[in-house]
């Protein structure tokens, strides 16, 4: 019986860990990350999960921006800045964006 209870406890811990895994929408809603003018996701509140999520998303964004830049004969920075402007425009009220002065503000 003790073995069954241990396995059940382990299962519950694993399930709760998976449930706590962040996605971009959830992290934005919690105020952990926000959009920046440079086209990359920024960390508003530095938790290990938020930092890891931002690094993962930003690597994917950089790869996408690079492909778009090469396809269109422009620079990665130009694509990233345009993407940043669009991301900030699309950010819903209540989510964080980085202002031109470098401060995080709720939109």
PDB file of N, CA and C in Angstrom:
ATOM      1  N   UNK A   1       0.808  -1.187   0.000  1.00  0.00           N
ATOM      2  CA  UNK A   1       0.000   0.000   0.000  1.00  0.00           C
ATOM      3  C   UNK A   1       0.859   1.262   0.000  1.00  0.00           C
ATOM      4  N   UNK A   2       1.968   1.240   0.727  1.00  0.00           N
ATOM      5  CA  UNK A   2       2.838   2.407   0.760  1.00  0.00           C
ATOM      6  C   UNK A   2       3.415   2.694  -0.626  1.00  0.00           C
ATOM      7  N   UNK A   3       3.720   1.638  -1.370  1.00  0.00           N
ATOM      8  CA  UNK A   3       4.271   1.819  -2.715  1.00  0.00           C
ATOM      9  C   UNK A   3       3.252   2.497  -3.623  1.00  0.00           C
ATOM     10  N   UNK A   4       2.015   2.095  -3.550  1.00  0.00           N
ATOM     11  CA  UNK A   4       0.963   2.704  -4.367  1.00  0.00           C
ATOM     12  C   UNK A   4       0.801   4.183  -4.030  1.00  0.00           C
ATOM     13  N   UNK A   5       0.866   4.517  -2.751  1.00  0.00           N
ATOM     14  CA  UNK A   5       0.735   5.911  -2.324  1.00  0.00           C
ATOM     15  C   UNK A   5       1.915   6.741  -2.826  1.00  0.00           C
ATOM     16  N   UNK A   6       3.106   6.157  -2.815  1.00  0.00           N
ATOM     17  CA  UNK A   6       4.290   6.873  -3.319  1.00  0.00           C
ATOM     18  C   UNK A   6       4.143   7.151  -4.808  1.00  0.00           C
ATOM     19  N   UNK A   7       3.716   6.133  -5.556  1.00  0.00           N
ATOM     20  CA  UNK A   7       3.550   6.315  -6.997  1.00  0.00           C
ATOM     21  C   UNK A   7       2.478   7.356  -7.290  1.00  0.00           C
ATOM     22  N   UNK A   8       1.444   7.361  -6.495  1.00  0.00           N
ATOM     23  CA  UNK A   8       0.386   8.348  -6.682  1.00  0.00           C
ATOM     24  C   UNK A   8       0.922   9.753  -6.407  1.00  0.00           C
ATOM     25  N   UNK A   9       1.709   9.896  -5.363  1.00  0.00           N
ATOM     26  CA  UNK A   9       2.301  11.195  -5.037  1.00  0.00           C
ATOM     27  C   UNK A   9       3.239  11.658  -6.139  1.00  0.00           C
ATOM     28  N   UNK A  10       4.045  10.737  -6.673  1.00  0.00           N
ATOM     29  CA  UNK A  10       4.959  11.080  -7.763  1.00  0.00           C
ATOM     30  C   UNK A  10       4.168  11.518  -8.987  1.00  0.00           C
ATOM     31  N   UNK A  11       3.102  10.794  -9.288  1.00  0.00           N
ATOM     32  CA  UNK A  11       2.248  11.151 -10.421  1.00  0.00           C
ATOM     33  C   UNK A  11       1.640  12.533 -10.265  1.00  0.00           C
ATOM     34  N   UNK A  12       1.174  12.846  -9.066  1.00  0.00           N
ATOM     35  CA  UNK A  12       0.597  14.166  -8.817  1.00  0.00           C
ATOM     36  C   UNK A  12       1.636  15.269  -8.962  1.00  0.00           C
ATOM     37  N   UNK A  13       2.838  15.021  -8.481  1.00  0.00           N
ATOM     38  CA  UNK A  13       3.903  16.008  -8.623  1.00  0.00           C
ATOM     39  C   UNK A  13       4.244  16.247 -10.088  1.00  0.00           C
ATOM     40  N   UNK A  14       4.330  15.175 -10.852  1.00  0.00           N
ATOM     41  CA  UNK A  14       4.621  15.320 -12.271  1.00  0.00           C
ATOM     42  C   UNK A  14       3.522  16.090 -12.988  1.00  0.00           C
ATOM     43  N   UNK A  15       2.287  15.791 -12.681  1.00  0.00           N
ATOM     44  CA  UNK A  15       1.165  16.491 -13.301  1.00  0.00           C
ATOM     45  C   UNK A  15       1.172  17.968 -12.944  1.00  0.00           C
ATOM     46  N   UNK A  16       1.452  18.279 -11.693  1.00  0.00           N
ATOM     47  CA  UNK A  16       1.457  19.681 -11.288  1.00  0.00           C
ATOM     48  C   UNK A  16       2.624  20.422 -11.926  1.00  0.00           C
ATOM     49  N   UNK A  17       3.752  19.759 -12.115  1.00  0.00           N
ATOM     50  CA  UNK A  17       4.886  20.391 -12.776  1.00  0.00           C
ATOM     51  C   UNK A  17       4.558  20.701 -14.219  1.00  0.00           C
ATOM     52  N   UNK A  18       3.883  19.773 -14.890  1.00  0.00           N
ATOM     53  CA  UNK A  18       3.502  20.009 -16.275  1.00  0.00           C
ATOM     54  C   UNK A  18       2.478  21.130 -16.370  1.00  0.00           C
ATOM     55  N   UNK A  19       1.580  21.191 -15.431  1.00  0.00           N
ATOM     56  CA  UNK A  19       0.556  22.229 -15.448  1.00  0.00           C
ATOM     57  C   UNK A  19       1.166  23.604 -15.231  1.00  0.00           C
ATOM     58  N   UNK A  20       2.283  23.667 -14.508  1.00  0.00           N
ATOM     59  CA  UNK A  20       2.924  24.940 -14.241  1.00  0.00           C
ATOM     60  C   UNK A  20       3.828  25.389 -15.378  1.00  0.00           C
ATOM     61  N   UNK A  21       4.074  24.534 -16.359  1.00  0.00           N
ATOM     62  CA  UNK A  21       4.914  24.917 -17.484  1.00  0.00           C
ATOM     63  C   UNK A  21       4.283  26.123 -18.175  1.00  0.00           C
ATOM     64  N   UNK A  22       5.117  27.088 -18.509  1.00  0.00           N
ATOM     65  CA  UNK A  22       4.625  28.333 -19.084  1.00  0.00           C
ATOM     66  C   UNK A  22       4.553  28.274 -20.600  1.00  0.00           C
ATOM     67  N   UNK A  23       3.541  28.936 -21.139  1.00  0.00           N
ATOM     68  CA  UNK A  23       3.524  29.243 -22.550  1.00  0.00           C
ATOM     69  C   UNK A  23       3.543  30.771 -22.642  1.00  0.00           C
ATOM     70  N   UNK A  24       3.714  31.285 -23.843  1.00  0.00           N
ATOM     71  CA  UNK A  24       3.858  32.735 -23.998  1.00  0.00           C
ATOM     72  C   UNK A  24       2.620  33.469 -23.489  1.00  0.00           C
ATOM     73  N   UNK A  25       1.447  33.002 -23.875  1.00  0.00           N
ATOM     74  CA  UNK A  25       0.215  33.668 -23.452  1.00  0.00           C
ATOM     75  C   UNK A  25       0.057  33.688 -21.946  1.00  0.00           C
ATOM     76  N   UNK A  26       0.339  32.562 -21.313  1.00  0.00           N
ATOM     77  CA  UNK A  26       0.237  32.486 -19.862  1.00  0.00           C
ATOM     78  C   UNK A  26       1.260  33.374 -19.173  1.00  0.00           C
ATOM     79  N   UNK A  27       2.459  33.392 -19.712  1.00  0.00           N
ATOM     80  CA  UNK A  27       3.515  34.221 -19.121  1.00  0.00           C
ATOM     81  C   UNK A  27       3.195  35.706 -19.267  1.00  0.00           C
ATOM     82  N   UNK A  28       2.625  36.079 -20.409  1.00  0.00           N
ATOM     83  CA  UNK A  28       2.225  37.482 -20.593  1.00  0.00           C
ATOM     84  C   UNK A  28       1.096  37.837 -19.632  1.00  0.00           C
ATOM     85  N   UNK A  29       0.120  36.947 -19.517  1.00  0.00           N
ATOM     86  CA  UNK A  29      -1.021  37.190 -18.635  1.00  0.00           C
ATOM     87  C   UNK A  29      -0.590  37.330 -17.173  1.00  0.00           C
ATOM     88  N   UNK A  30       0.472  36.618 -16.801  1.00  0.00           N
ATOM     89  CA  UNK A  30       0.978  36.687 -15.425  1.00  0.00           C
ATOM     90  C   UNK A  30       1.924  37.872 -15.217  1.00  0.00           C
ATOM     91  N   UNK A  31       2.210  38.611 -16.275  1.00  0.00           N
ATOM     92  CA  UNK A  31       3.109  39.759 -16.162  1.00  0.00           C
ATOM     93  C   UNK A  31       4.569  39.374 -16.048  1.00  0.00           C
ATOM     94  N   UNK A  32       4.921  38.182 -16.516  1.00  0.00           N
ATOM     95  CA  UNK A  32       6.310  37.718 -16.430  1.00  0.00           C
ATOM     96  C   UNK A  32       7.146  38.154 -17.619  1.00  0.00           C
ATOM     97  N   UNK A  33       6.526  38.263 -18.784  1.00  0.00           N
ATOM     98  CA  UNK A  33       7.244  38.652 -20.003  1.00  0.00           C
ATOM     99  C   UNK A  33       6.423  39.684 -20.759  1.00  0.00           C
ATOM    100  N   UNK A  34       7.086  40.390 -21.666  1.00  0.00           N
ATOM    101  CA  UNK A  34       6.402  41.389 -22.478  1.00  0.00           C
ATOM    102  C   UNK A  34       7.121  41.604 -23.789  1.00  0.00           C
ATOM    103  N   UNK A  35       6.459  42.297 -24.688  1.00  0.00           N
ATOM    104  CA  UNK A  35       7.036  42.573 -26.001  1.00  0.00           C
ATOM    105  C   UNK A  35       7.941  43.792 -25.947  1.00  0.00           C
ATOM    106  N   UNK A  36       8.989  43.743 -26.756  1.00  0.00           N
ATOM    107  CA  UNK A  36       9.959  44.833 -26.817  1.00  0.00           C
ATOM    108  C   UNK A  36      10.012  45.396 -28.234  1.00  0.00           C
ATOM    109  N   UNK A  37      10.415  46.659 -28.375  1.00  0.00           N
ATOM    110  CA  UNK A  37      10.498  47.270 -29.710  1.00  0.00           C
ATOM    111  C   UNK A  37      11.503  46.583 -30.639  1.00  0.00           C
ATOM    112  N   UNK A  38      12.441  45.840 -30.074  1.00  0.00           N
ATOM    113  CA  UNK A  38      13.451  45.180 -30.915  1.00  0.00           C
ATOM    114  C   UNK A  38      12.970  43.853 -31.507  1.00  0.00           C
ATOM    115  N   UNK A  39      11.694  43.497 -31.239  1.00  0.00           N
ATOM    116  CA  UNK A  39      11.133  42.282 -31.810  1.00  0.00           C
ATOM    117  C   UNK A  39      11.300  41.033 -30.977  1.00  0.00           C
ATOM    118  N   UNK A  40      11.890  41.187 -29.826  1.00  0.00           N
ATOM    119  CA  UNK A  40      12.126  40.026 -28.973  1.00  0.00           C
ATOM    120  C   UNK A  40      11.306  40.126 -27.698  1.00  0.00           C
ATOM    121  N   UNK A  41      11.070  38.974 -27.104  1.00  0.00           N
ATOM    122  CA  UNK A  41      10.334  38.886 -25.857  1.00  0.00           C
ATOM    123  C   UNK A  41      11.268  39.260 -24.712  1.00  0.00           C
ATOM    124  N   UNK A  42      10.815  40.125 -23.835  1.00  0.00           N
ATOM    125  CA  UNK A  42      11.632  40.531 -22.698  1.00  0.00           C
ATOM    126  C   UNK A  42      11.085  39.963 -21.405  1.00  0.00           C
ATOM    127  N   UNK A  43      11.952  39.825 -20.427  1.00  0.00           N
ATOM    128  CA  UNK A  43      11.570  39.309 -19.116  1.00  0.00           C
ATOM    129  C   UNK A  43      11.239  40.486 -18.209  1.00  0.00           C
ATOM    130  N   UNK A  44       9.997  40.512 -17.739  1.00  0.00           N
ATOM    131  CA  UNK A  44       9.542  41.573 -16.842  1.00  0.00           C
ATOM    132  C   UNK A  44       9.864  41.197 -15.397  1.00  0.00           C
ATOM    133  N   UNK A  45       9.511  39.967 -15.018  1.00  0.00           N
ATOM    134  CA  UNK A  45       9.800  39.440 -13.680  1.00  0.00           C
ATOM    135  C   UNK A  45      10.648  38.196 -13.872  1.00  0.00           C
ATOM    136  N   UNK A  46      11.869  38.253 -13.420  1.00  0.00           N
ATOM    137  CA  UNK A  46      12.853  37.200 -13.700  1.00  0.00           C
ATOM    138  C   UNK A  46      12.642  35.958 -12.837  1.00  0.00           C
ATOM    139  N   UNK A  47      11.813  35.062 -13.320  1.00  0.00           N
ATOM    140  CA  UNK A  47      11.720  33.731 -12.724  1.00  0.00           C
ATOM    141  C   UNK A  47      12.487  32.796 -13.644  1.00  0.00           C
ATOM    142  N   UNK A  48      12.973  31.682 -13.139  1.00  0.00           N
ATOM    143  CA  UNK A  48      13.693  30.751 -14.021  1.00  0.00           C
ATOM    144  C   UNK A  48      12.859  30.320 -15.235  1.00  0.00           C
ATOM    145  N   UNK A  49      11.555  30.124 -15.019  1.00  0.00           N
ATOM    146  CA  UNK A  49      10.684  29.698 -16.111  1.00  0.00           C
ATOM    147  C   UNK A  49      10.546  30.792 -17.164  1.00  0.00           C
ATOM    148  N   UNK A  50      10.384  32.040 -16.717  1.00  0.00           N
ATOM    149  CA  UNK A  50      10.227  33.157 -17.643  1.00  0.00           C
ATOM    150  C   UNK A  50      11.500  33.389 -18.452  1.00  0.00           C
ATOM    151  N   UNK A  51      12.642  33.302 -17.791  1.00  0.00           N
ATOM    152  CA  UNK A  51      13.924  33.483 -18.473  1.00  0.00           C
ATOM    153  C   UNK A  51      14.125  32.392 -19.526  1.00  0.00           C
ATOM    154  N   UNK A  52      13.816  31.167 -19.165  1.00  0.00           N
ATOM    155  CA  UNK A  52      13.955  30.045 -20.087  1.00  0.00           C
ATOM    156  C   UNK A  52      12.997  30.178 -21.263  1.00  0.00           C
ATOM    157  N   UNK A  53      11.758  30.544 -20.980  1.00  0.00           N
ATOM    158  CA  UNK A  53      10.764  30.723 -22.031  1.00  0.00           C
ATOM    159  C   UNK A  53      11.190  31.814 -22.998  1.00  0.00           C
ATOM    160  N   UNK A  54      11.618  32.950 -22.474  1.00  0.00           N
ATOM    161  CA  UNK A  54      12.037  34.062 -23.328  1.00  0.00           C
ATOM    162  C   UNK A  54      13.228  33.661 -24.199  1.00  0.00           C
ATOM    163  N   UNK A  55      14.180  32.959 -23.639  1.00  0.00           N
ATOM    164  CA  UNK A  55      15.343  32.521 -24.422  1.00  0.00           C
ATOM    165  C   UNK A  55      14.928  31.589 -25.559  1.00  0.00           C
ATOM    166  N   UNK A  56      14.021  30.676 -25.257  1.00  0.00           N
ATOM    167  CA  UNK A  56      13.542  29.731 -26.271  1.00  0.00           C
ATOM    168  C   UNK A  56      12.777  30.455 -27.376  1.00  0.00           C
ATOM    169  N   UNK A  57      11.842  31.305 -26.998  1.00  0.00           N
ATOM    170  CA  UNK A  57      11.046  32.051 -27.977  1.00  0.00           C
ATOM    171  C   UNK A  57      11.940  32.971 -28.801  1.00  0.00           C
ATOM    172  N   UNK A  58      12.876  33.643 -28.166  1.00  0.00           N
ATOM    173  CA  UNK A  58      13.739  34.577 -28.880  1.00  0.00           C
ATOM    174  C   UNK A  58      14.663  33.876 -29.879  1.00  0.00           C
ATOM    175  N   UNK A  59      15.117  32.679 -29.551  1.00  0.00           N
ATOM    176  CA  UNK A  59      15.933  31.906 -30.504  1.00  0.00           C
ATOM    177  C   UNK A  59      15.097  31.565 -31.736  1.00  0.00           C
ATOM    178  N   UNK A  60      13.855  31.182 -31.525  1.00  0.00           N
ATOM    179  CA  UNK A  60      12.962  30.861 -32.646  1.00  0.00           C
ATOM    180  C   UNK A  60      12.633  32.098 -33.460  1.00  0.00           C
ATOM    181  N   UNK A  61      12.406  33.214 -32.777  1.00  0.00           N
ATOM    182  CA  UNK A  61      12.124  34.464 -33.490  1.00  0.00           C
ATOM    183  C   UNK A  61      13.325  34.882 -34.327  1.00  0.00           C
ATOM    184  N   UNK A  62      14.504  34.808 -33.742  1.00  0.00           N
ATOM    185  CA  UNK A  62      15.707  35.215 -34.475  1.00  0.00           C
ATOM    186  C   UNK A  62      15.869  34.375 -35.737  1.00  0.00           C
ATOM    187  N   UNK A  63      15.625  33.093 -35.631  1.00  0.00           N
ATOM    188  CA  UNK A  63      15.720  32.199 -36.776  1.00  0.00           C
ATOM    189  C   UNK A  63      14.704  32.604 -37.859  1.00  0.00           C
ATOM    190  N   UNK A  64      13.484  32.901 -37.442  1.00  0.00           N
ATOM    191  CA  UNK A  64      12.441  33.315 -38.382  1.00  0.00           C
ATOM    192  C   UNK A  64      12.780  34.666 -39.009  1.00  0.00           C
ATOM    193  N   UNK A  65      13.237  35.617 -38.198  1.00  0.00           N
ATOM    194  CA  UNK A  65      13.599  36.939 -38.719  1.00  0.00           C
ATOM    195  C   UNK A  65      14.731  36.822 -39.739  1.00  0.00           C
ATOM    196  N   UNK A  66      15.694  35.971 -39.443  1.00  0.00           N
ATOM    197  CA  UNK A  66      16.827  35.789 -40.354  1.00  0.00           C
ATOM    198  C   UNK A  66      16.353  35.235 -41.700  1.00  0.00           C
ATOM    199  N   UNK A  67      15.457  34.254 -41.662  1.00  0.00           N
ATOM    200  CA  UNK A  67      14.933  33.671 -42.904  1.00  0.00           C
ATOM    201  C   UNK A  67      14.159  34.719 -43.705  1.00  0.00           C
ATOM    202  N   UNK A  68      13.354  35.519 -43.035  1.00  0.00           N
ATOM    203  CA  UNK A  68      12.579  36.563 -43.708  1.00  0.00           C
ATOM    204  C   UNK A  68      13.516  37.606 -44.309  1.00  0.00           C
ATOM    205  N   UNK A  69      14.538  37.997 -43.550  1.00  0.00           N
ATOM    206  CA  UNK A  69      15.496  38.990 -44.033  1.00  0.00           C
ATOM    207  C   UNK A  69      16.211  38.498 -45.291  1.00  0.00           C
ATOM    208  N   UNK A  70      16.664  37.262 -45.271  1.00  0.00           N
ATOM    209  CA  UNK A  70      17.360  36.707 -46.437  1.00  0.00           C
ATOM    210  C   UNK A  70      16.440  36.623 -47.639  1.00  0.00           C
ATOM    211  N   UNK A  71      15.205  36.234 -47.408  1.00  0.00           N
ATOM    212  CA  UNK A  71      14.234  36.101 -48.494  1.00  0.00           C
ATOM    213  C   UNK A  71      13.926  37.453 -49.138  1.00  0.00           C
ATOM    214  N   UNK A  72      13.924  38.511 -48.329  1.00  0.00           N
ATOM    215  CA  UNK A  72      13.541  39.840 -48.806  1.00  0.00           C
ATOM    216  C   UNK A  72      14.711  40.787 -49.047  1.00  0.00           C
ATOM    217  N   UNK A  73      15.927  40.297 -48.892  1.00  0.00           N
ATOM    218  CA  UNK A  73      17.104  41.128 -49.150  1.00  0.00           C
ATOM    219  C   UNK A  73      17.238  42.301 -48.198  1.00  0.00           C
ATOM    220  N   UNK A  74      16.916  42.090 -46.946  1.00  0.00           N
ATOM    221  CA  UNK A  74      17.028  43.143 -45.937  1.00  0.00           C
ATOM    222  C   UNK A  74      17.829  42.589 -44.755  1.00  0.00           C
ATOM    223  N   UNK A  75      17.947  43.383 -43.717  1.00  0.00           N
ATOM    224  CA  UNK A  75      18.731  42.924 -42.565  1.00  0.00           C
ATOM    225  C   UNK A  75      17.838  42.297 -41.510  1.00  0.00           C
ATOM    226  N   UNK A  76      18.430  41.450 -40.716  1.00  0.00           N
ATOM    227  CA  UNK A  76      17.732  40.831 -39.591  1.00  0.00           C
ATOM    228  C   UNK A  76      17.208  41.903 -38.650  1.00  0.00           C
ATOM    229  N   UNK A  77      18.006  42.935 -38.380  1.00  0.00           N
ATOM    230  CA  UNK A  77      17.583  43.995 -37.460  1.00  0.00           C
ATOM    231  C   UNK A  77      16.354  44.736 -37.969  1.00  0.00           C
ATOM    232  N   UNK A  78      16.290  44.982 -39.271  1.00  0.00           N
ATOM    233  CA  UNK A  78      15.132  45.678 -39.834  1.00  0.00           C
ATOM    234  C   UNK A  78      13.864  44.831 -39.679  1.00  0.00           C
ATOM    235  N   UNK A  79      13.991  43.540 -39.934  1.00  0.00           N
ATOM    236  CA  UNK A  79      12.853  42.638 -39.784  1.00  0.00           C
ATOM    237  C   UNK A  79      12.433  42.572 -38.325  1.00  0.00           C
ATOM    238  N   UNK A  80      13.395  42.461 -37.419  1.00  0.00           N
ATOM    239  CA  UNK A  80      13.092  42.352 -35.991  1.00  0.00           C
ATOM    240  C   UNK A  80      12.378  43.606 -35.481  1.00  0.00           C
ATOM    241  N   UNK A  81      12.831  44.774 -35.900  1.00  0.00           N
ATOM    242  CA  UNK A  81      12.213  46.022 -35.441  1.00  0.00           C
ATOM    243  C   UNK A  81      10.780  46.140 -35.961  1.00  0.00           C
ATOM    244  N   UNK A  82      10.561  45.781 -37.218  1.00  0.00           N
ATOM    245  CA  UNK A  82       9.206  45.799 -37.763  1.00  0.00           C
ATOM    246  C   UNK A  82       8.309  44.812 -37.010  1.00  0.00           C
ATOM    247  N   UNK A  83       8.841  43.629 -36.733  1.00  0.00           N
ATOM    248  CA  UNK A  83       8.083  42.624 -35.972  1.00  0.00           C
ATOM    249  C   UNK A  83       7.780  43.132 -34.566  1.00  0.00           C
ATOM    250  N   UNK A  84       8.728  43.827 -33.957  1.00  0.00           N
ATOM    251  CA  UNK A  84       8.519  44.387 -32.624  1.00  0.00           C
ATOM    252  C   UNK A  84       7.396  45.407 -32.607  1.00  0.00           C
ATOM    253  N   UNK A  85       7.377  46.276 -33.625  1.00  0.00           N
ATOM    254  CA  UNK A  85       6.306  47.271 -33.721  1.00  0.00           C
ATOM    255  C   UNK A  85       4.948  46.587 -33.845  1.00  0.00           C
ATOM    256  N   UNK A  86       4.878  45.572 -34.701  1.00  0.00           N
ATOM    257  CA  UNK A  86       3.615  44.863 -34.901  1.00  0.00           C
ATOM    258  C   UNK A  86       3.192  44.114 -33.641  1.00  0.00           C
ATOM    259  N   UNK A  87       4.149  43.490 -32.958  1.00  0.00           N
ATOM    260  CA  UNK A  87       3.832  42.748 -31.730  1.00  0.00           C
ATOM    261  C   UNK A  87       3.295  43.678 -30.659  1.00  0.00           C
ATOM    262  N   UNK A  88       3.881  44.850 -30.535  1.00  0.00           N
ATOM    263  CA  UNK A  88       3.423  45.826 -29.535  1.00  0.00           C
ATOM    264  C   UNK A  88       2.027  46.321 -29.893  1.00  0.00           C
ATOM    265  N   UNK A  89       1.789  46.568 -31.183  1.00  0.00           N
ATOM    266  CA  UNK A  89       0.452  47.002 -31.615  1.00  0.00           C
ATOM    267  C   UNK A  89      -0.609  45.958 -31.278  1.00  0.00           C
ATOM    268  N   UNK A  90      -0.255  44.677 -31.418  1.00  0.00           N
ATOM    269  CA  UNK A  90      -1.201  43.590 -31.189  1.00  0.00           C
ATOM    270  C   UNK A  90      -1.320  43.184 -29.718  1.00  0.00           C
ATOM    271  N   UNK A  91      -0.459  43.710 -28.875  1.00  0.00           N
ATOM    272  CA  UNK A  91      -0.482  43.343 -27.459  1.00  0.00           C
ATOM    273  C   UNK A  91      -1.767  43.837 -26.821  1.00  0.00           C
ATOM    274  N   UNK A  92      -2.487  42.946 -26.147  1.00  0.00           N
ATOM    275  CA  UNK A  92      -3.765  43.359 -25.536  1.00  0.00           C
ATOM    276  C   UNK A  92      -3.542  44.243 -24.303  1.00  0.00           C
ATOM    277  N   UNK A  93      -4.544  45.057 -23.992  1.00  0.00           N
ATOM    278  CA  UNK A  93      -4.453  45.885 -22.784  1.00  0.00           C
ATOM    279  C   UNK A  93      -4.207  45.025 -21.545  1.00  0.00           C
ATOM    280  N   UNK A  94      -3.386  45.547 -20.662  1.00  0.00           N
ATOM    281  CA  UNK A  94      -3.071  44.835 -19.427  1.00  0.00           C
ATOM    282  C   UNK A  94      -1.778  44.048 -19.495  1.00  0.00           C
ATOM    283  N   UNK A  95      -1.258  43.849 -20.707  1.00  0.00           N
ATOM    284  CA  UNK A  95       0.017  43.140 -20.875  1.00  0.00           C
ATOM    285  C   UNK A  95       1.150  44.161 -20.916  1.00  0.00           C
ATOM    286  N   UNK A  96       2.348  43.690 -20.614  1.00  0.00           N
ATOM    287  CA  UNK A  96       3.500  44.585 -20.569  1.00  0.00           C
ATOM    288  C   UNK A  96       4.158  44.749 -21.933  1.00  0.00           C
ATOM    289  N   UNK A  97       4.590  45.992 -22.184  1.00  0.00           N
ATOM    290  CA  UNK A  97       5.424  46.314 -23.336  1.00  0.00           C
ATOM    291  C   UNK A  97       6.550  47.211 -22.836  1.00  0.00           C
ATOM    292  N   UNK A  98       7.650  47.177 -23.543  1.00  0.00           N
ATOM    293  CA  UNK A  98       8.772  48.035 -23.146  1.00  0.00           C
ATOM    294  C   UNK A  98       8.639  49.367 -23.871  1.00  0.00           C
ATOM    295  N   UNK A  99       8.597  50.433 -23.093  1.00  0.00           N
ATOM    296  CA  UNK A  99       8.475  51.789 -23.624  1.00  0.00           C
ATOM    297  C   UNK A  99       9.816  52.245 -24.217  1.00  0.00           C
ATOM    298  N   UNK A 100       9.797  53.287 -25.057  1.00  0.00           N
ATOM    299  CA  UNK A 100      11.039  53.811 -25.635  1.00  0.00           C
ATOM    300  C   UNK A 100      12.094  54.191 -24.596  1.00  0.00           C
ATOM    301  N   UNK A 101      11.647  54.544 -23.382  1.00  0.00           N
ATOM    302  CA  UNK A 101      12.602  54.914 -22.328  1.00  0.00           C
ATOM    303  C   UNK A 101      13.199  53.694 -21.620  1.00  0.00           C
ATOM    304  N   UNK A 102      12.793  52.493 -22.065  1.00  0.00           N
ATOM    305  CA  UNK A 102      13.349  51.274 -21.504  1.00  0.00           C
ATOM    306  C   UNK A 102      12.592  50.710 -20.308  1.00  0.00           C
ATOM    307  N   UNK A 103      11.525  51.379 -19.899  1.00  0.00           N
ATOM    308  CA  UNK A 103      10.738  50.925 -18.761  1.00  0.00           C
ATOM    309  C   UNK A 103       9.594  50.017 -19.229  1.00  0.00           C
ATOM    310  N   UNK A 104       9.241  49.043 -18.397  1.00  0.00           N
ATOM    311  CA  UNK A 104       8.094  48.190 -18.681  1.00  0.00           C
ATOM    312  C   UNK A 104       6.843  48.922 -18.260  1.00  0.00           C
ATOM    313  N   UNK A 105       5.856  48.959 -19.160  1.00  0.00           N
ATOM    314  CA  UNK A 105       4.588  49.593 -18.854  1.00  0.00           C
ATOM    315  C   UNK A 105       3.458  48.665 -19.287  1.00  0.00           C
ATOM    316  N   UNK A 106       2.336  48.734 -18.566  1.00  0.00           N
ATOM    317  CA  UNK A 106       1.157  47.985 -18.974  1.00  0.00           C
ATOM    318  C   UNK A 106       0.477  48.761 -20.086  1.00  0.00           C
ATOM    319  N   UNK A 107       0.121  48.051 -21.106  1.00  0.00           N
ATOM    320  CA  UNK A 107      -0.537  48.693 -22.238  1.00  0.00           C
ATOM    321  C   UNK A 107      -1.985  48.974 -21.901  1.00  0.00           C
TER     322      UNK A 107
END
